[in-house]
Amino acid sequence: MQKIDIRTAISADLPALEELERLAFPDPWSPAVLRKEVLDGPGCVLVGMIGNTLAGYISLRFVADEVQLLRIATAAAYRRRGIAEQLLLRAVTEASDRRAVYMHLEVRKSNAAARALYEKHGFTVRAERPDAYTQSREDGYLMARDFGGTA
């Protein structure tokens, strides 16, 4: 596993985030949406850095006692090096530190690698969402991890 430095995204990260978003997702967020998430969002965007290079990022939204994992992406050159796992573990720590009761996310049914990562870290499938992804017409799973207790 390649160790990364994880920090909160800043405006200077936006060009690299926009590029990664465009390359990683068939339905990328617009630059305006990404800018809002980074600068004004109700959650946080964490970036994983290797030196001065953005290796990956994760976007979280905090609402009451829940955390929604909105996006997680790793640059192609850094895949299969544990980047997404480190970002996910940091997100779980953030959720726990904020006394979240649970974290949830949606994942494409075909994304076996992501599902395996989430399951490894305590997420379980809670529901199937037919046609959850409209850009490529694909079903998704709603997955969640409980933290126990109350906020």
Protein backbone atom coordinates (compact mmCIF):
# COMPACT_ATOMS: atom_id res chain seq x y z
CA MET A 1 0.00 0.00 0.00
CA GLN A 2 1.42 3.35 -1.02
CA LYS A 3 1.13 5.89 1.79
CA ILE A 4 -0.60 9.15 0.94
CA ASP A 5 -1.03 12.46 2.70
CA ILE A 6 -4.73 13.21 3.19
CA ARG A 7 -5.96 16.75 3.68
CA THR A 8 -9.00 18.91 3.06
CA ALA A 9 -9.24 20.09 -0.55
CA ILE A 10 -8.51 23.74 -1.28
CA SER A 11 -9.25 25.94 -4.28
CA ALA A 12 -5.79 25.28 -5.74
CA ASP A 13 -6.79 21.59 -6.05
CA LEU A 14 -9.75 22.34 -8.32
CA PRO A 15 -8.01 21.91 -11.71
CA ALA A 16 -6.68 18.46 -10.72
CA LEU A 17 -10.02 17.51 -9.14
CA GLU A 18 -11.91 18.55 -12.27
CA GLU A 19 -9.58 16.46 -14.43
CA LEU A 20 -9.87 13.40 -12.19
CA GLU A 21 -13.66 13.79 -12.02
CA ARG A 22 -13.87 13.94 -15.81
CA LEU A 23 -11.69 10.85 -16.26
CA ALA A 24 -13.14 8.76 -13.43
CA PHE A 25 -16.89 9.08 -13.95
CA PRO A 26 -19.24 8.66 -16.93
CA ASP A 27 -21.40 11.37 -15.33
CA PRO A 28 -18.83 13.85 -13.99
CA TRP A 29 -19.79 16.76 -11.82
CA SER A 30 -19.53 20.08 -13.59
CA PRO A 31 -16.69 22.40 -12.55
CA ALA A 32 -19.31 24.61 -10.85
CA VAL A 33 -20.69 21.73 -8.77
CA LEU A 34 -17.22 20.54 -7.84
CA ARG A 35 -16.19 24.10 -6.88
CA LYS A 36 -19.28 24.39 -4.66
CA GLU A 37 -18.52 21.07 -2.95
CA VAL A 38 -14.93 22.10 -2.26
CA LEU A 39 -15.53 25.70 -1.23
CA ASP A 40 -19.10 25.90 0.08
CA GLY A 41 -20.44 22.38 0.49
CA PRO A 42 -22.17 21.06 3.58
CA GLY A 43 -19.62 18.28 3.80
CA CYS A 44 -15.99 17.99 2.94
CA VAL A 45 -13.76 16.93 0.12
CA LEU A 46 -10.57 15.17 1.14
CA VAL A 47 -7.67 14.74 -1.26
CA GLY A 48 -4.99 12.07 -1.20
CA MET A 49 -1.64 13.47 -2.24
CA ILE A 50 1.59 11.80 -3.27
CA GLY A 51 4.06 14.63 -3.20
CA ASN A 52 2.39 17.43 -5.13
CA THR A 53 0.25 15.05 -7.18
CA LEU A 54 -3.43 14.44 -6.53
CA ALA A 55 -3.76 10.65 -6.37
CA GLY A 56 -7.41 10.52 -5.35
CA TYR A 57 -10.25 12.16 -3.52
CA ILE A 58 -13.38 11.47 -1.52
CA SER A 59 -16.41 13.69 -1.08
CA LEU A 60 -18.62 13.42 2.00
CA ARG A 61 -21.81 15.14 3.08
CA PHE A 62 -22.77 15.43 6.75
CA VAL A 63 -26.46 15.75 7.61
CA ALA A 64 -27.62 15.38 11.22
CA ASP A 65 -26.25 12.02 12.40
CA GLU A 66 -25.51 10.53 8.99
CA VAL A 67 -22.72 10.77 6.48
CA GLN A 68 -23.18 10.24 2.76
CA LEU A 69 -20.19 9.22 0.70
CA LEU A 70 -20.86 11.07 -2.56
CA ARG A 71 -17.75 10.32 -4.59
CA ILE A 72 -14.49 8.48 -4.35
CA ALA A 73 -11.97 8.35 -7.18
CA THR A 74 -8.36 7.37 -7.73
CA ALA A 75 -6.23 8.61 -10.62
CA ALA A 76 -5.55 5.82 -13.13
CA ALA A 77 -1.79 5.93 -12.50
CA TYR A 78 -2.36 5.23 -8.79
CA ARG A 79 -5.00 2.51 -8.86
CA ARG A 80 -4.44 -0.78 -7.02
CA ARG A 81 -2.12 0.91 -4.52
CA GLY A 82 -4.54 1.28 -1.61
CA ILE A 83 -5.35 4.95 -2.26
CA ALA A 84 -9.14 4.49 -2.17
CA GLU A 85 -8.86 2.35 0.95
CA GLN A 86 -6.88 5.03 2.79
CA LEU A 87 -9.40 7.68 1.75
CA LEU A 88 -12.30 5.48 2.87
CA LEU A 89 -10.67 4.82 6.24
CA ARG A 90 -10.14 8.56 6.74
CA ALA A 91 -13.81 9.13 5.87
CA VAL A 92 -14.85 6.54 8.46
CA THR A 93 -12.68 8.34 11.03
CA GLU A 94 -14.28 11.68 10.09
CA ALA A 95 -17.73 10.14 10.50
CA SER A 96 -16.86 8.64 13.85
CA ASP A 97 -15.28 11.89 15.07
CA ARG A 98 -18.51 13.70 14.17
CA ARG A 99 -20.49 11.09 16.10
CA ALA A 100 -22.32 9.83 13.03
CA VAL A 101 -24.69 6.93 13.55
CA TYR A 102 -24.15 5.59 10.05
CA MET A 103 -22.53 6.23 6.67
CA HIS A 104 -24.16 5.36 3.38
CA LEU A 105 -23.26 5.35 -0.28
CA GLU A 106 -24.46 4.17 -3.64
CA VAL A 107 -22.35 1.94 -5.87
CA ARG A 108 -22.83 0.54 -9.35
CA LYS A 109 -23.88 -3.10 -9.35
CA SER A 110 -21.05 -3.87 -11.79
CA ASN A 111 -18.35 -2.27 -9.62
CA ALA A 112 -17.23 -5.43 -7.83
CA ALA A 113 -13.90 -3.94 -6.71
CA ALA A 114 -15.59 -1.01 -4.96
CA ARG A 115 -18.21 -3.26 -3.39
CA ALA A 116 -15.48 -5.54 -2.06
CA LEU A 117 -13.64 -2.56 -0.55
CA TYR A 118 -16.79 -1.30 1.15
CA GLU A 119 -17.67 -4.77 2.45
CA LYS A 120 -14.13 -5.20 3.80
CA HIS A 121 -14.74 -2.11 5.93
CA GLY A 122 -18.13 -3.05 7.31
CA PHE A 123 -20.57 -1.77 4.70
CA THR A 124 -23.49 -3.99 3.76
CA VAL A 125 -26.02 -3.84 0.95
CA ARG A 126 -29.26 -2.36 2.27
CA ALA A 127 -31.22 -2.00 -0.96
CA GLU A 128 -31.04 -2.38 -4.71
CA ARG A 129 -31.79 0.68 -6.83
CA PRO A 130 -32.98 -0.17 -10.33
CA ASP A 131 -31.73 2.27 -12.98
CA ALA A 132 -29.83 4.27 -10.35
CA TYR A 133 -27.35 5.39 -12.99
CA THR A 134 -29.06 6.99 -15.93
CA GLN A 135 -25.98 7.89 -18.01
CA SER A 136 -25.18 4.22 -18.65
CA ARG A 137 -28.49 2.66 -17.50
CA GLU A 138 -27.25 0.56 -14.64
CA ASP A 139 -28.63 -0.64 -11.34
CA GLY A 140 -26.98 0.32 -8.10
CA TYR A 141 -26.76 -0.82 -4.50
CA LEU A 142 -27.34 1.32 -1.46
CA MET A 143 -24.69 0.28 1.06
CA ALA A 144 -24.32 1.47 4.64
CA ARG A 145 -22.20 1.01 7.71
CA ASP A 146 -23.60 1.53 11.19
CA PHE A 147 -21.41 3.10 13.86
CA GLY A 148 -23.75 2.27 16.73
CA GLY A 149 -25.01 4.55 19.43
CA THR A 150 -26.65 7.86 18.80
CA ALA A 151 -25.32 11.27 17.91
